Amino acid sequence: MAQDRKQIVVFGSIVHDLISYTTRFPRPGESIRGKSFQQGAGGKGANQAVAAALLGARVSMIGKVGDDIFADFNLTSLKKAGVETAAVQRVAGSTTGTATITVSEEGGGENSIVVTLGANMEMSPETADGAEAVIAPGGILLCQAEIPDAATKRALEIGRKHGVTTFLNPAPGDPAMDQSMLAFVDIVCVNENEAEFITGIASPNPAEAEKAARAMLERGPRVAIITLGPQGCLLAEKDEGVITVSLLPGEKVAAVDTTGAGDCFCGSFVALLAAGIPLKEAAARSVKIASISVTKIGTQSSYSSRAELIAVGRGELVEGI
């Protein structure tokens, strides 16, 4: 395993997942019986931190939890995956974020989610300022959109100030997102809906996705990635004014639970980048790693470790980490 990995700093959310599995989604006003239930650690920030750490990356998490029963569960999950949690704060009188998730057999494991962010909403620009000593020496700063925009923007500003590679996954998508933060972003990664929220361009196919990616590059980032589900992802890179676009195909798998697949892609991608894997190769491998996650139930519990990928003959996906 490489010893010169750059450290990844995740500035983002921690959310406890409460997951019900059903044959179909209930209609409004309808109560149906679930087939099974599980709880797990989640939140886009924590998910991406765990996905990266399981592949061997050095990861530190900056976030907030409440003082309830879910806090220890989520901190333990982060630590078990190898994530450093010294910069995660407990907020007295607040609740740990929760996500109530329904996963339906219809549609190949599609999900619907209600998120109550709790202590995550206590993240602020002052939180970022207080964590500057953690952000500054990092190699890559990874942010999402599950905490207040002002906090994320300040973290990105601090990362840029110290020459850290800044990565933004503005998910879950919000049409009211503060797009001025894109000026401090090196790499932006979105799905089709999020791309449309930012650019106004719907991207149901690769041609439209390319238009949206080019539009995002005009807003500041040097790299734009649009994940396209089973179709893979589109990667656009700007270098000295020249834009190179690549379509990286997905893998056909029997999906049972798509929850957290995007987070798996982002965490895997930054882990590979931190190990020195070239951009296009890192994206291509991450598509494959994320496709494996949807064949298993759960969020963080569906992510593969470096050792697991090697054991099932997929060691090429983590070669060089």
Protein backbone atom coordinates (compact mmCIF):
# COMPACT_ATOMS: atom_id res chain seq x y z
CA MET A 1 0.00 0.00 0.00
CA ALA A 2 1.31 3.43 -0.93
CA GLN A 3 2.84 5.37 1.94
CA ASP A 4 2.72 8.85 0.37
CA ARG A 5 -1.07 9.20 0.28
CA LYS A 6 -2.34 12.74 0.64
CA GLN A 7 -4.72 13.23 3.55
CA ILE A 8 -8.42 13.71 2.80
CA VAL A 9 -10.41 16.10 4.99
CA VAL A 10 -14.19 15.74 4.89
CA PHE A 11 -16.22 18.76 5.99
CA GLY A 12 -19.82 17.66 6.09
CA SER A 13 -22.78 15.82 7.51
CA ILE A 14 -23.30 12.89 9.84
CA VAL A 15 -26.78 11.32 9.72
CA HIS A 16 -28.23 8.19 11.31
CA ASP A 17 -30.07 6.02 8.75
CA LEU A 18 -33.37 4.27 9.56
CA ILE A 19 -34.10 2.02 6.58
CA SER A 20 -37.29 0.12 5.72
CA TYR A 21 -37.34 -2.33 2.81
CA THR A 22 -40.66 -2.78 0.98
CA THR A 23 -42.08 -4.36 -2.15
CA ARG A 24 -43.29 -0.92 -3.29
CA PHE A 25 -43.53 2.67 -2.10
CA PRO A 26 -46.69 3.59 -0.16
CA ARG A 27 -49.13 5.99 -1.77
CA PRO A 28 -50.05 9.22 0.11
CA GLY A 29 -52.13 8.34 3.14
CA GLU A 30 -51.39 4.62 2.80
CA SER A 31 -49.72 2.36 5.37
CA ILE A 32 -47.98 -0.76 4.09
CA ARG A 33 -45.93 -3.48 5.75
CA GLY A 34 -42.20 -3.49 5.36
CA LYS A 35 -40.25 -6.65 4.60
CA SER A 36 -37.29 -5.79 6.81
CA PHE A 37 -35.64 -2.94 8.70
CA GLN A 38 -32.13 -1.92 9.56
CA GLN A 39 -30.36 1.08 11.00
CA GLY A 40 -26.96 2.31 10.04
CA ALA A 41 -24.51 5.18 10.07
CA GLY A 42 -24.97 7.64 7.24
CA GLY A 43 -24.94 11.24 6.11
CA LYS A 44 -23.25 12.28 2.88
CA GLY A 45 -20.13 13.55 4.60
CA ALA A 46 -19.70 10.47 6.77
CA ASN A 47 -20.55 8.11 3.90
CA GLN A 48 -17.89 9.61 1.68
CA ALA A 49 -15.36 9.60 4.51
CA VAL A 50 -16.00 5.90 5.18
CA ALA A 51 -15.88 4.96 1.48
CA ALA A 52 -12.47 6.64 1.16
CA ALA A 53 -11.06 5.23 4.39
CA LEU A 54 -12.11 1.66 3.57
CA LEU A 55 -9.99 1.87 0.43
CA GLY A 56 -6.95 2.82 2.50
CA ALA A 57 -7.07 6.63 2.41
CA ARG A 58 -6.06 8.79 5.36
CA VAL A 59 -9.27 10.60 6.28
CA SER A 60 -10.24 13.18 8.91
CA MET A 61 -13.87 14.14 9.48
CA ILE A 62 -15.10 17.58 10.54
CA GLY A 63 -18.77 17.53 11.56
CA LYS A 64 -21.30 17.64 14.37
CA VAL A 65 -23.53 15.15 16.17
CA GLY A 66 -26.11 15.59 18.90
CA ASP A 67 -26.11 14.31 22.47
CA ASP A 68 -28.56 11.45 21.78
CA ILE A 69 -28.28 7.70 21.37
CA PHE A 70 -27.36 7.95 17.69
CA ALA A 71 -24.17 9.96 18.25
CA ASP A 72 -22.01 7.14 19.61
CA PHE A 73 -23.27 4.72 16.96
CA ASN A 74 -22.14 7.01 14.15
CA LEU A 75 -18.82 7.97 15.74
CA THR A 76 -18.04 4.30 16.31
CA SER A 77 -18.81 3.51 12.66
CA LEU A 78 -16.45 6.25 11.47
CA LYS A 79 -13.66 5.08 13.75
CA LYS A 80 -14.15 1.43 12.78
CA ALA A 81 -13.64 2.38 9.13
CA GLY A 82 -10.43 4.19 10.03
CA VAL A 83 -11.70 7.79 9.94
CA GLU A 84 -10.12 10.27 12.37
CA THR A 85 -12.94 11.88 14.41
CA ALA A 86 -11.13 14.30 16.73
CA ALA A 87 -12.72 17.25 14.86
CA VAL A 88 -16.29 15.94 15.23
CA GLN A 89 -18.13 17.97 17.88
CA ARG A 90 -21.09 16.98 20.08
CA VAL A 91 -23.78 19.66 20.28
CA ALA A 92 -25.53 19.76 23.66
CA GLY A 93 -29.30 19.88 23.41
CA SER A 94 -29.33 18.93 19.74
CA THR A 95 -30.15 15.71 17.93
CA THR A 96 -27.93 13.76 15.58
CA GLY A 97 -29.22 14.03 12.02
CA THR A 98 -31.56 11.25 10.93
CA ALA A 99 -32.66 9.89 7.55
CA THR A 100 -35.85 7.86 7.24
CA ILE A 101 -35.31 5.76 4.12
CA THR A 102 -37.70 3.51 2.20
CA VAL A 103 -36.15 1.12 -0.32
CA SER A 104 -38.55 -0.49 -2.80
CA GLU A 105 -38.07 -3.67 -4.79
CA GLU A 106 -39.85 -1.90 -7.64
CA GLY A 107 -37.41 0.00 -9.81
CA GLY A 108 -34.39 -2.07 -8.82
CA GLY A 109 -33.83 -0.86 -5.26
CA GLU A 110 -34.79 2.78 -5.73
CA ASN A 111 -35.25 4.79 -2.55
CA SER A 112 -37.12 7.72 -1.06
CA ILE A 113 -35.60 9.61 1.86
CA VAL A 114 -36.71 12.13 4.50
CA VAL A 115 -33.70 13.80 6.17
CA THR A 116 -33.86 15.73 9.46
CA LEU A 117 -30.46 17.35 9.78
CA GLY A 118 -30.36 18.19 13.50
CA ALA A 119 -26.84 19.04 14.67
CA ASN A 120 -25.62 19.29 11.08
CA MET A 121 -27.41 22.62 10.84
CA GLU A 122 -25.08 23.91 13.57
CA MET A 123 -22.19 23.79 11.10
CA SER A 124 -21.19 27.39 10.36
CA PRO A 125 -18.40 29.54 8.92
CA GLU A 126 -17.04 29.71 12.47
CA THR A 127 -16.89 25.90 12.50
CA ALA A 128 -14.70 26.03 9.41
CA ASP A 129 -12.51 28.76 10.90
CA GLY A 130 -12.07 26.67 14.05
CA ALA A 131 -11.02 23.68 11.95
CA GLU A 132 -8.50 25.54 9.78
CA ALA A 133 -5.62 23.66 11.41
CA VAL A 134 -7.24 20.41 10.21
CA ILE A 135 -8.06 21.65 6.70
CA ALA A 136 -4.77 23.45 5.94
CA PRO A 137 -2.41 20.43 5.80
CA GLY A 138 -4.86 18.26 3.84
CA GLY A 139 -4.33 17.13 0.29
CA ILE A 140 -8.00 17.07 -0.68
CA LEU A 141 -10.98 18.80 0.98
CA LEU A 142 -14.27 17.01 0.33
CA CYS A 143 -17.57 18.88 0.86
CA GLN A 144 -21.27 18.22 0.17
CA ALA A 145 -24.54 20.17 0.50
CA GLU A 146 -26.11 18.57 3.57
CA ILE A 147 -25.00 21.40 5.87
CA PRO A 148 -25.55 25.19 5.54
CA ASP A 149 -24.03 26.69 2.38
CA ALA A 150 -22.25 29.40 4.35
CA ALA A 151 -20.28 26.79 6.28
CA THR A 152 -19.34 24.87 3.14
CA LYS A 153 -18.30 28.01 1.30
CA ARG A 154 -16.02 29.10 4.15
CA ALA A 155 -14.39 25.65 4.30
CA LEU A 156 -13.75 25.79 0.55
CA GLU A 157 -12.27 29.29 0.89
CA ILE A 158 -9.90 28.02 3.59
CA GLY A 159 -8.94 25.03 1.46
CA ARG A 160 -8.20 27.26 -1.53
CA LYS A 161 -6.19 29.63 0.69
CA HIS A 162 -3.89 26.77 1.69
CA GLY A 163 -3.55 25.19 -1.75
CA VAL A 164 -5.71 22.18 -0.90
CA THR A 165 -7.52 20.49 -3.81
CA THR A 166 -11.19 21.30 -3.21
CA PHE A 167 -13.94 18.83 -4.18
CA LEU A 168 -17.65 19.67 -3.96
CA ASN A 169 -20.50 17.22 -4.30
CA PRO A 170 -23.54 19.56 -4.03
CA ALA A 171 -25.89 16.81 -2.96
CA PRO A 172 -28.68 16.59 -2.16
CA GLY A 173 -29.47 19.06 -4.92
CA ASP A 174 -31.02 22.42 -4.05
CA PRO A 175 -32.05 24.97 -6.71
CA ALA A 176 -31.32 27.69 -4.14
CA MET A 177 -27.69 26.61 -3.67
CA ASP A 178 -25.20 29.47 -3.28
CA GLN A 179 -23.37 29.02 -6.56
CA SER A 180 -20.72 31.58 -5.63
CA MET A 181 -18.91 28.80 -3.77
CA LEU A 182 -18.06 27.20 -7.13
CA ALA A 183 -15.36 29.86 -7.52
CA PHE A 184 -13.42 28.03 -4.77
CA VAL A 185 -13.94 24.51 -6.16
CA ASP A 186 -11.40 22.53 -8.18
CA ILE A 187 -13.58 19.46 -8.80
CA VAL A 188 -17.39 19.43 -8.81
CA CYS A 189 -19.30 16.14 -8.95
CA VAL A 190 -23.06 16.02 -9.45
CA ASN A 191 -25.82 13.71 -10.61
CA GLU A 192 -28.24 14.62 -13.40
CA ASN A 193 -30.69 16.48 -11.14
CA GLU A 194 -27.98 18.48 -9.42
CA ALA A 195 -26.45 19.40 -12.77
CA GLU A 196 -29.79 20.80 -13.87
CA PHE A 197 -30.20 22.79 -10.63
CA ILE A 198 -26.81 24.45 -11.21
CA THR A 199 -26.91 25.01 -14.97
CA GLY A 200 -30.57 24.84 -15.96
CA ILE A 201 -29.64 22.10 -18.46
CA ALA A 202 -31.41 18.76 -18.13
CA SER A 203 -28.96 15.93 -18.79
CA PRO A 204 -30.89 12.71 -19.51
CA ASN A 205 -28.25 11.61 -22.03
CA PRO A 206 -24.49 12.05 -22.51
CA ALA A 207 -24.84 14.85 -25.08
CA GLU A 208 -26.86 17.03 -22.72
CA ALA A 209 -24.62 16.04 -19.80
CA GLU A 210 -21.64 17.38 -21.74
CA LYS A 211 -23.39 20.73 -22.19
CA ALA A 212 -24.10 20.87 -18.45
CA ALA A 213 -20.51 19.91 -17.57
CA ARG A 214 -19.10 22.63 -19.81
CA ALA A 215 -21.46 25.15 -18.21
CA MET A 216 -20.23 24.17 -14.74
CA LEU A 217 -16.62 24.63 -15.80
CA GLU A 218 -17.48 28.22 -16.70
CA ARG A 219 -18.39 28.81 -13.04
CA GLY A 220 -14.90 28.11 -11.70
CA PRO A 221 -14.05 24.40 -11.35
CA ARG A 222 -11.35 22.86 -13.53
CA VAL A 223 -13.04 19.43 -13.45
CA ALA A 224 -16.76 18.60 -13.69
CA ILE A 225 -18.15 15.10 -13.24
CA ILE A 226 -21.76 14.11 -13.87
CA THR A 227 -22.73 10.65 -12.64
CA LEU A 228 -25.28 8.97 -14.90
CA GLY A 229 -26.35 5.93 -12.89
CA PRO A 230 -26.05 2.72 -14.90
CA GLN A 231 -24.64 4.72 -17.83
CA GLY A 232 -21.48 5.51 -15.83
CA CYS A 233 -20.25 9.09 -15.68
CA LEU A 234 -19.16 11.99 -17.82
CA LEU A 235 -15.84 13.66 -17.00
CA ALA A 236 -14.93 17.12 -18.31
CA GLU A 237 -11.51 18.65 -17.57
CA LYS A 238 -10.29 22.15 -18.40
CA ASP A 239 -6.56 22.68 -18.88
CA GLU A 240 -5.28 26.05 -20.11
CA GLY A 241 -8.64 26.79 -21.69
CA VAL A 242 -8.90 23.45 -23.51
CA ILE A 243 -11.76 21.19 -22.37
CA THR A 244 -11.44 17.42 -22.68
CA VAL A 245 -14.60 15.33 -22.25
CA SER A 246 -14.73 11.58 -21.56
CA LEU A 247 -17.70 9.26 -21.17
CA LEU A 248 -16.84 6.43 -18.80
CA PRO A 249 -19.30 3.52 -19.11
CA GLY A 250 -21.09 1.91 -16.18
CA GLU A 251 -21.39 -1.76 -15.35
CA LYS A 252 -24.58 -3.80 -15.58
CA VAL A 253 -25.39 -5.20 -12.15
CA ALA A 254 -28.44 -6.54 -10.33
CA ALA A 255 -29.15 -3.53 -8.10
CA VAL A 256 -30.90 -4.18 -4.79
CA ASP A 257 -30.30 -0.87 -2.97
CA THR A 258 -28.99 2.31 -4.61
CA THR A 259 -28.80 4.26 -1.34
CA GLY A 260 -25.40 5.91 -0.97
CA ALA A 261 -24.06 4.92 -4.39
CA GLY A 262 -23.17 8.51 -5.26
CA ASP A 263 -21.33 8.87 -1.97
CA CYS A 264 -19.45 5.66 -2.68
CA PHE A 265 -18.34 7.11 -6.02
CA CYS A 266 -17.15 10.38 -4.46
CA GLY A 267 -15.31 8.74 -1.57
CA SER A 268 -13.67 6.18 -3.84
CA PHE A 269 -12.69 8.85 -6.36
CA VAL A 270 -10.91 11.07 -3.83
CA ALA A 271 -9.20 8.03 -2.27
CA LEU A 272 -7.77 7.13 -5.67
CA LEU A 273 -6.79 10.72 -6.42
CA ALA A 274 -5.07 11.01 -3.04
CA ALA A 275 -3.01 7.93 -3.94
CA GLY A 276 -1.86 9.57 -7.16
CA ILE A 277 -4.13 7.74 -9.61
CA PRO A 278 -4.73 9.87 -12.76
CA LEU A 279 -8.06 11.66 -12.95
CA LYS A 280 -9.72 9.64 -15.72
CA GLU A 281 -8.53 6.32 -14.35
CA ALA A 282 -9.74 7.26 -10.85
CA ALA A 283 -13.20 8.10 -12.21
CA ALA A 284 -13.43 4.89 -14.24
CA ARG A 285 -12.47 2.74 -11.27
CA SER A 286 -14.87 4.61 -9.00
CA VAL A 287 -17.79 3.89 -11.32
CA LYS A 288 -17.04 0.18 -10.91
CA ILE A 289 -16.59 0.39 -7.13
CA ALA A 290 -19.91 2.25 -6.79
CA SER A 291 -21.66 -0.34 -8.97
CA ILE A 292 -20.61 -3.02 -6.50
CA SER A 293 -22.21 -1.09 -3.63
CA VAL A 294 -25.70 -1.19 -5.18
CA THR A 295 -25.66 -5.00 -5.15
CA LYS A 296 -25.70 -4.92 -1.34
CA ILE A 297 -28.18 -3.43 1.12
CA GLY A 298 -27.43 -0.48 3.36
CA THR A 299 -25.30 2.59 2.92
CA GLN A 300 -21.89 2.45 4.60
CA SER A 301 -22.45 -1.27 5.15
CA SER A 302 -22.59 -1.75 1.36
CA TYR A 303 -19.15 -0.25 0.73
CA SER A 304 -16.23 -2.52 -0.04
CA SER A 305 -12.87 -2.33 1.66
CA ARG A 306 -9.60 -2.60 -0.19
CA ALA A 307 -9.09 -6.11 1.23
CA GLU A 308 -12.58 -7.22 0.15
CA LEU A 309 -12.06 -6.02 -3.41
CA ILE A 310 -8.76 -7.88 -3.60
CA ALA A 311 -10.36 -11.03 -2.13
CA VAL A 312 -13.04 -11.17 -4.85
CA GLY A 313 -10.55 -10.63 -7.64
CA ARG A 314 -11.17 -6.90 -8.13
CA GLY A 315 -7.77 -5.82 -6.92
CA GLU A 316 -7.19 -3.82 -10.08
CA LEU A 317 -9.72 -1.30 -8.76
CA VAL A 318 -7.47 -0.39 -5.82
CA GLU A 319 -4.09 -0.97 -7.40
CA GLY A 320 -1.73 1.78 -6.33
CA ILE A 321 -3.58 2.73 -3.13
